Amino acid sequence: MTSWQVVRVIAGAFILISVAFGAPSSPWFVNEWFLAFTAFVGANILQSGLTQWCLMESIVRKLGLKADA
């Protein structure tokens, strides 16, 4: 997998987990404030799309994943 694919997998997992923990109808509900984390991840995805820079991708590249296929 390339770094951008790993970043998208991580972002998707964070969103799914935070919605599961933040949605009152979820069986894994903890607190509605977990939905703030969902908004944070969404804002970072938006920022990444507009600026072509993503901190998570920089971190994943430093861990050794390649940038392109």
PDB file of N, CA and C in Angstrom:
ATOM      1  N   MET A   1       0.840  -1.182   0.000  1.00  0.00           N
ATOM      2  CA  MET A   1       0.000   0.000   0.000  1.00  0.00           C
ATOM      3  C   MET A   1       0.884   1.245   0.000  1.00  0.00           C
ATOM      4  N   THR A   2       0.376   2.285  -0.630  1.00  0.00           N
ATOM      5  CA  THR A   2       1.107   3.545  -0.644  1.00  0.00           C
ATOM      6  C   THR A   2       0.674   4.404   0.541  1.00  0.00           C
ATOM      7  N   SER A   3       1.420   5.468   0.773  1.00  0.00           N
ATOM      8  CA  SER A   3       1.136   6.315   1.937  1.00  0.00           C
ATOM      9  C   SER A   3      -0.254   6.940   1.866  1.00  0.00           C
ATOM     10  N   TRP A   4      -0.682   7.366   0.687  1.00  0.00           N
ATOM     11  CA  TRP A   4      -2.005   8.001   0.594  1.00  0.00           C
ATOM     12  C   TRP A   4      -3.119   6.990   0.841  1.00  0.00           C
ATOM     13  N   GLN A   5      -2.904   5.734   0.485  1.00  0.00           N
ATOM     14  CA  GLN A   5      -3.917   4.713   0.757  1.00  0.00           C
ATOM     15  C   GLN A   5      -4.015   4.436   2.257  1.00  0.00           C
ATOM     16  N   VAL A   6      -2.878   4.379   2.924  1.00  0.00           N
ATOM     17  CA  VAL A   6      -2.865   4.144   4.370  1.00  0.00           C
ATOM     18  C   VAL A   6      -3.544   5.298   5.102  1.00  0.00           C
ATOM     19  N   VAL A   7      -3.282   6.526   4.660  1.00  0.00           N
ATOM     20  CA  VAL A   7      -3.918   7.692   5.290  1.00  0.00           C
ATOM     21  C   VAL A   7      -5.429   7.607   5.163  1.00  0.00           C
ATOM     22  N   ARG A   8      -5.926   7.205   4.018  1.00  0.00           N
ATOM     23  CA  ARG A   8      -7.367   7.105   3.824  1.00  0.00           C
ATOM     24  C   ARG A   8      -7.973   5.983   4.662  1.00  0.00           C
ATOM     25  N   VAL A   9      -7.251   4.889   4.809  1.00  0.00           N
ATOM     26  CA  VAL A   9      -7.723   3.792   5.664  1.00  0.00           C
ATOM     27  C   VAL A   9      -7.787   4.251   7.120  1.00  0.00           C
ATOM     28  N   ILE A  10      -6.764   4.958   7.567  1.00  0.00           N
ATOM     29  CA  ILE A  10      -6.740   5.466   8.944  1.00  0.00           C
ATOM     30  C   ILE A  10      -7.880   6.459   9.158  1.00  0.00           C
ATOM     31  N   ALA A  11      -8.062   7.398   8.225  1.00  0.00           N
ATOM     32  CA  ALA A  11      -9.131   8.393   8.358  1.00  0.00           C
ATOM     33  C   ALA A  11     -10.502   7.714   8.389  1.00  0.00           C
ATOM     34  N   GLY A  12     -10.713   6.753   7.518  1.00  0.00           N
ATOM     35  CA  GLY A  12     -11.989   6.039   7.502  1.00  0.00           C
ATOM     36  C   GLY A  12     -12.236   5.282   8.794  1.00  0.00           C
ATOM     37  N   ALA A  13     -11.197   4.643   9.312  1.00  0.00           N
ATOM     38  CA  ALA A  13     -11.338   3.914  10.577  1.00  0.00           C
ATOM     39  C   ALA A  13     -11.641   4.871  11.721  1.00  0.00           C
ATOM     40  N   PHE A  14     -10.940   6.015  11.782  1.00  0.00           N
ATOM     41  CA  PHE A  14     -11.200   7.004  12.824  1.00  0.00           C
ATOM     42  C   PHE A  14     -12.638   7.496  12.761  1.00  0.00           C
ATOM     43  N   ILE A  15     -13.141   7.751  11.566  1.00  0.00           N
ATOM     44  CA  ILE A  15     -14.509   8.244  11.415  1.00  0.00           C
ATOM     45  C   ILE A  15     -15.511   7.191  11.880  1.00  0.00           C
ATOM     46  N   LEU A  16     -15.341   5.967  11.427  1.00  0.00           N
ATOM     47  CA  LEU A  16     -16.271   4.908  11.821  1.00  0.00           C
ATOM     48  C   LEU A  16     -16.261   4.659  13.327  1.00  0.00           C
ATOM     49  N   ILE A  17     -15.087   4.641  13.915  1.00  0.00           N
ATOM     50  CA  ILE A  17     -14.974   4.402  15.363  1.00  0.00           C
ATOM     51  C   ILE A  17     -15.584   5.551  16.149  1.00  0.00           C
ATOM     52  N   SER A  18     -15.290   6.787  15.744  1.00  0.00           N
ATOM     53  CA  SER A  18     -15.821   7.927  16.497  1.00  0.00           C
ATOM     54  C   SER A  18     -17.331   8.055  16.350  1.00  0.00           C
ATOM     55  N   VAL A  19     -17.881   7.702  15.195  1.00  0.00           N
ATOM     56  CA  VAL A  19     -19.345   7.706  15.051  1.00  0.00           C
ATOM     57  C   VAL A  19     -19.960   6.594  15.905  1.00  0.00           C
ATOM     58  N   ALA A  20     -19.330   5.428  15.926  1.00  0.00           N
ATOM     59  CA  ALA A  20     -19.846   4.330  16.747  1.00  0.00           C
ATOM     60  C   ALA A  20     -19.857   4.701  18.224  1.00  0.00           C
ATOM     61  N   PHE A  21     -18.845   5.426  18.680  1.00  0.00           N
ATOM     62  CA  PHE A  21     -18.769   5.827  20.082  1.00  0.00           C
ATOM     63  C   PHE A  21     -19.584   7.082  20.387  1.00  0.00           C
ATOM     64  N   GLY A  22     -19.949   7.862  19.356  1.00  0.00           N
ATOM     65  CA  GLY A  22     -20.625   9.128  19.600  1.00  0.00           C
ATOM     66  C   GLY A  22     -22.102   9.154  19.272  1.00  0.00           C
ATOM     67  N   ALA A  23     -22.587   8.224  18.480  1.00  0.00           N
ATOM     68  CA  ALA A  23     -24.003   8.210  18.105  1.00  0.00           C
ATOM     69  C   ALA A  23     -24.828   7.569  19.226  1.00  0.00           C
ATOM     70  N   PRO A  24     -25.801   8.291  19.748  1.00  0.00           N
ATOM     71  CA  PRO A  24     -26.595   7.752  20.865  1.00  0.00           C
ATOM     72  C   PRO A  24     -27.297   6.428  20.552  1.00  0.00           C
ATOM     73  N   SER A  25     -27.589   6.165  19.292  1.00  0.00           N
ATOM     74  CA  SER A  25     -28.280   4.919  18.948  1.00  0.00           C
ATOM     75  C   SER A  25     -27.326   3.741  18.755  1.00  0.00           C
ATOM     76  N   SER A  26     -26.043   3.988  18.871  1.00  0.00           N
ATOM     77  CA  SER A  26     -25.047   2.937  18.680  1.00  0.00           C
ATOM     78  C   SER A  26     -24.957   2.043  19.918  1.00  0.00           C
ATOM     79  N   PRO A  27     -24.746   0.745  19.706  1.00  0.00           N
ATOM     80  CA  PRO A  27     -24.567  -0.139  20.872  1.00  0.00           C
ATOM     81  C   PRO A  27     -23.257   0.122  21.620  1.00  0.00           C
ATOM     82  N   TRP A  28     -22.321   0.833  20.980  1.00  0.00           N
ATOM     83  CA  TRP A  28     -21.025   1.142  21.598  1.00  0.00           C
ATOM     84  C   TRP A  28     -20.949   2.583  22.064  1.00  0.00           C
ATOM     85  N   PHE A  29     -22.100   3.223  22.211  1.00  0.00           N
ATOM     86  CA  PHE A  29     -22.153   4.638  22.600  1.00  0.00           C
ATOM     87  C   PHE A  29     -21.416   4.874  23.912  1.00  0.00           C
ATOM     88  N   VAL A  30     -20.559   5.912  23.895  1.00  0.00           N
ATOM     89  CA  VAL A  30     -19.844   6.324  25.095  1.00  0.00           C
ATOM     90  C   VAL A  30     -20.245   7.744  25.472  1.00  0.00           C
ATOM     91  N   ASN A  31     -20.054   8.664  24.522  1.00  0.00           N
ATOM     92  CA  ASN A  31     -20.341  10.067  24.772  1.00  0.00           C
ATOM     93  C   ASN A  31     -20.507  10.771  23.432  1.00  0.00           C
ATOM     94  N   GLU A  32     -21.409  11.756  23.377  1.00  0.00           N
ATOM     95  CA  GLU A  32     -21.638  12.481  22.127  1.00  0.00           C
ATOM     96  C   GLU A  32     -20.432  13.300  21.690  1.00  0.00           C
ATOM     97  N   TRP A  33     -19.513  13.582  22.594  1.00  0.00           N
ATOM     98  CA  TRP A  33     -18.323  14.361  22.245  1.00  0.00           C
ATOM     99  C   TRP A  33     -17.398  13.610  21.294  1.00  0.00           C
ATOM    100  N   PHE A  34     -17.579  12.323  21.130  1.00  0.00           N
ATOM    101  CA  PHE A  34     -16.788  11.590  20.138  1.00  0.00           C
ATOM    102  C   PHE A  34     -17.093  12.091  18.723  1.00  0.00           C
ATOM    103  N   LEU A  35     -18.270  12.679  18.531  1.00  0.00           N
ATOM    104  CA  LEU A  35     -18.613  13.233  17.220  1.00  0.00           C
ATOM    105  C   LEU A  35     -17.749  14.446  16.889  1.00  0.00           C
ATOM    106  N   ALA A  36     -17.189  15.110  17.894  1.00  0.00           N
ATOM    107  CA  ALA A  36     -16.257  16.210  17.641  1.00  0.00           C
ATOM    108  C   ALA A  36     -14.996  15.674  16.953  1.00  0.00           C
ATOM    109  N   PHE A  37     -14.586  14.466  17.302  1.00  0.00           N
ATOM    110  CA  PHE A  37     -13.430  13.858  16.641  1.00  0.00           C
ATOM    111  C   PHE A  37     -13.744  13.566  15.175  1.00  0.00           C
ATOM    112  N   THR A  38     -14.980  13.176  14.898  1.00  0.00           N
ATOM    113  CA  THR A  38     -15.411  12.968  13.516  1.00  0.00           C
ATOM    114  C   THR A  38     -15.282  14.267  12.738  1.00  0.00           C
ATOM    115  N   ALA A  39     -15.716  15.374  13.322  1.00  0.00           N
ATOM    116  CA  ALA A  39     -15.606  16.681  12.670  1.00  0.00           C
ATOM    117  C   ALA A  39     -14.145  17.072  12.472  1.00  0.00           C
ATOM    118  N   PHE A  40     -13.294  16.765  13.436  1.00  0.00           N
ATOM    119  CA  PHE A  40     -11.864  17.067  13.326  1.00  0.00           C
ATOM    120  C   PHE A  40     -11.237  16.315  12.158  1.00  0.00           C
ATOM    121  N   VAL A  41     -11.546  15.043  12.033  1.00  0.00           N
ATOM    122  CA  VAL A  41     -11.007  14.248  10.918  1.00  0.00           C
ATOM    123  C   VAL A  41     -11.529  14.787   9.589  1.00  0.00           C
ATOM    124  N   GLY A  42     -12.813  15.114   9.531  1.00  0.00           N
ATOM    125  CA  GLY A  42     -13.377  15.680   8.310  1.00  0.00           C
ATOM    126  C   GLY A  42     -12.729  16.997   7.929  1.00  0.00           C
ATOM    127  N   ALA A  43     -12.467  17.852   8.919  1.00  0.00           N
ATOM    128  CA  ALA A  43     -11.799  19.129   8.651  1.00  0.00           C
ATOM    129  C   ALA A  43     -10.383  18.902   8.128  1.00  0.00           C
ATOM    130  N   ASN A  44      -9.700  17.904   8.656  1.00  0.00           N
ATOM    131  CA  ASN A  44      -8.351  17.605   8.170  1.00  0.00           C
ATOM    132  C   ASN A  44      -8.375  17.060   6.742  1.00  0.00           C
ATOM    133  N   ILE A  45      -9.371  16.270   6.410  1.00  0.00           N
ATOM    134  CA  ILE A  45      -9.500  15.775   5.035  1.00  0.00           C
ATOM    135  C   ILE A  45      -9.763  16.948   4.088  1.00  0.00           C
ATOM    136  N   LEU A  46     -10.631  17.866   4.492  1.00  0.00           N
ATOM    137  CA  LEU A  46     -10.904  19.054   3.685  1.00  0.00           C
ATOM    138  C   LEU A  46      -9.642  19.896   3.505  1.00  0.00           C
ATOM    139  N   GLN A  47      -8.930  20.148   4.579  1.00  0.00           N
ATOM    140  CA  GLN A  47      -7.683  20.919   4.516  1.00  0.00           C
ATOM    141  C   GLN A  47      -6.671  20.241   3.605  1.00  0.00           C
ATOM    142  N   SER A  48      -6.565  18.933   3.691  1.00  0.00           N
ATOM    143  CA  SER A  48      -5.630  18.182   2.861  1.00  0.00           C
ATOM    144  C   SER A  48      -5.986  18.302   1.383  1.00  0.00           C
ATOM    145  N   GLY A  49      -7.261  18.268   1.074  1.00  0.00           N
ATOM    146  CA  GLY A  49      -7.695  18.397  -0.311  1.00  0.00           C
ATOM    147  C   GLY A  49      -7.429  19.778  -0.880  1.00  0.00           C
ATOM    148  N   LEU A  50      -7.531  20.797  -0.044  1.00  0.00           N
ATOM    149  CA  LEU A  50      -7.331  22.165  -0.516  1.00  0.00           C
ATOM    150  C   LEU A  50      -5.867  22.562  -0.606  1.00  0.00           C
ATOM    151  N   THR A  51      -5.038  22.048   0.301  1.00  0.00           N
ATOM    152  CA  THR A  51      -3.640  22.476   0.358  1.00  0.00           C
ATOM    153  C   THR A  51      -2.660  21.460  -0.229  1.00  0.00           C
ATOM    154  N   GLN A  52      -3.138  20.247  -0.511  1.00  0.00           N
ATOM    155  CA  GLN A  52      -2.269  19.167  -1.009  1.00  0.00           C
ATOM    156  C   GLN A  52      -1.188  18.776   0.001  1.00  0.00           C
ATOM    157  N   TRP A  53      -1.440  18.982   1.305  1.00  0.00           N
ATOM    158  CA  TRP A  53      -0.517  18.593   2.359  1.00  0.00           C
ATOM    159  C   TRP A  53      -1.292  17.946   3.490  1.00  0.00           C
ATOM    160  N   CYS A  54      -0.750  16.839   4.011  1.00  0.00           N
ATOM    161  CA  CYS A  54      -1.409  16.115   5.087  1.00  0.00           C
ATOM    162  C   CYS A  54      -0.355  15.663   6.093  1.00  0.00           C
ATOM    163  N   LEU A  55      -0.531  16.052   7.347  1.00  0.00           N
ATOM    164  CA  LEU A  55       0.417  15.679   8.393  1.00  0.00           C
ATOM    165  C   LEU A  55       0.487  14.166   8.558  1.00  0.00           C
ATOM    166  N   MET A  56      -0.660  13.492   8.528  1.00  0.00           N
ATOM    167  CA  MET A  56      -0.673  12.035   8.684  1.00  0.00           C
ATOM    168  C   MET A  56       0.128  11.366   7.573  1.00  0.00           C
ATOM    169  N   GLU A  57       0.029  11.871   6.354  1.00  0.00           N
ATOM    170  CA  GLU A  57       0.793  11.286   5.257  1.00  0.00           C
ATOM    171  C   GLU A  57       2.289  11.496   5.463  1.00  0.00           C
ATOM    172  N   SER A  58       2.668  12.650   5.990  1.00  0.00           N
ATOM    173  CA  SER A  58       4.083  12.891   6.295  1.00  0.00           C
ATOM    174  C   SER A  58       4.583  11.901   7.340  1.00  0.00           C
ATOM    175  N   ILE A  59       3.765  11.637   8.343  1.00  0.00           N
ATOM    176  CA  ILE A  59       4.140  10.683   9.393  1.00  0.00           C
ATOM    177  C   ILE A  59       4.261   9.276   8.818  1.00  0.00           C
ATOM    178  N   VAL A  60       3.303   8.888   7.990  1.00  0.00           N
ATOM    179  CA  VAL A  60       3.325   7.546   7.402  1.00  0.00           C
ATOM    180  C   VAL A  60       4.539   7.380   6.481  1.00  0.00           C
ATOM    181  N   ARG A  61       4.901   8.415   5.744  1.00  0.00           N
ATOM    182  CA  ARG A  61       6.090   8.340   4.889  1.00  0.00           C
ATOM    183  C   ARG A  61       7.356   8.189   5.720  1.00  0.00           C
ATOM    184  N   LYS A  62       7.427   8.883   6.861  1.00  0.00           N
ATOM    185  CA  LYS A  62       8.602   8.745   7.727  1.00  0.00           C
ATOM    186  C   LYS A  62       8.693   7.353   8.327  1.00  0.00           C
ATOM    187  N   LEU A  63       7.576   6.659   8.403  1.00  0.00           N
ATOM    188  CA  LEU A  63       7.576   5.279   8.886  1.00  0.00           C
ATOM    189  C   LEU A  63       8.011   4.298   7.815  1.00  0.00           C
ATOM    190  N   GLY A  64       8.208   4.797   6.572  1.00  0.00           N
ATOM    191  CA  GLY A  64       8.793   3.961   5.560  1.00  0.00           C
ATOM    192  C   GLY A  64       7.901   3.591   4.376  1.00  0.00           C
ATOM    193  N   LEU A  65       6.667   4.032   4.334  1.00  0.00           N
ATOM    194  CA  LEU A  65       5.824   3.702   3.190  1.00  0.00           C
ATOM    195  C   LEU A  65       6.163   4.611   2.010  1.00  0.00           C
ATOM    196  N   LYS A  66       6.028   4.081   0.819  1.00  0.00           N
ATOM    197  CA  LYS A  66       6.360   4.865  -0.362  1.00  0.00           C
ATOM    198  C   LYS A  66       5.220   5.817  -0.709  1.00  0.00           C
ATOM    199  N   ALA A  67       5.579   6.901  -1.419  1.00  0.00           N
ATOM    200  CA  ALA A  67       4.607   7.945  -1.730  1.00  0.00           C
ATOM    201  C   ALA A  67       3.679   7.549  -2.874  1.00  0.00           C
ATOM    202  N   ASP A  68       4.178   6.941  -3.922  1.00  0.00           N
ATOM    203  CA  ASP A  68       3.375   6.596  -5.091  1.00  0.00           C
ATOM    204  C   ASP A  68       3.495   5.139  -5.445  1.00  0.00           C
ATOM    205  N   ALA A  69       2.528   4.691  -6.241  1.00  0.00           N
ATOM    206  CA  ALA A  69       2.539   3.294  -6.678  1.00  0.00           C
ATOM    207  C   ALA A  69       3.577   3.057  -7.741  1.00  0.00           C
TER     208      ALA A  69
END
